[in-house]
Amino acid sequence: MNRLSRYRPPISRSPRGLSSLKADWLIHARNVVACPEKHRKLCERVGGACAAKGVDPDLRRPGMLGPNYEEADHKILCIGQIHLATEWVEARDNLGSLQPLMKRWLDGAESDEEFCDKYNDAYSTLLPQWGTWTKAFGPVLRRFGIGPRGVTHVNFARCWQTSGTRVYDATGACAEEFPTREIYDLVEPDAVLVLSGASVFQAYPSLMRGLPNSEWAHFPGRRSFAFSAEDIAKTVERLSEKLVASR
């Protein structure tokens, strides 16, 4: 049995000191972090959660509810594909430093309020270091005065991969266990920015299941996120149209 499976039951829906959105996000986060045994095995079988030194094989990654998301003028949900193991163990002040915090929370040694604040604050500080933000989300969102603390961020796959690993199957498997619609309904964004290759969507239409297409702004598929100024400008234009329509 997965040693985290006993943590699967959700937390109270009304932790003291937390808004209803943060309380609901914590329920979602706990269900992701304490990944059920059946999905964990499937994930590993199809190429996700690759063995990597310093990465806890049992924990999964819930993404981030930006510390300033609730007060943001424009609420944006940013969706990537999957974490790289290097983001957890190699970068300075890496995400691996959050693993002890996640374990303490599951063990009850860290309160819901403390976990929510510490985890999301640290994640929002690390997010700007990754290529998904520096090459795609950041250049678009700064045109609207939106920084990493003001967005919700999540990946289709809640596990990780090592460089060069095929990730399509892991992405599809995660879409079944942790539907994108769940986080979408939870944070109620004005618009969604998606960074994932077209081939992934074609292979796994379940990624988009139940979501209104009118609120999605896709980046064009590019290797290594090599977006041109024209790509960024077109995405800015699409996002602007969606934000105007949402008012």
Foldseek 3Di string as FASTA:
>chain_A
DQPLQVLQDFDDQCDPPDDNLLSLLRRLQSNQQQDDPVLLVVLVVQAFLPDDPLDDSRGWASFADFQCQVVDPFEEEEEEAFAAVCQQPPDVLHVSVCVVVSVCVSVVNADSVRSNVVVRVSNLVSVCVDCCCVLAVVLQCVVVVDGSNRYTYYYLARTHHHPPIDCLSSSQSSCVVNPPVSVCVSSVGLAYEYEDEPVSCVVRVSNCPPHDPLRYQYQYDDPPSPDDPVSSVVSNVSNVVSNVVSD
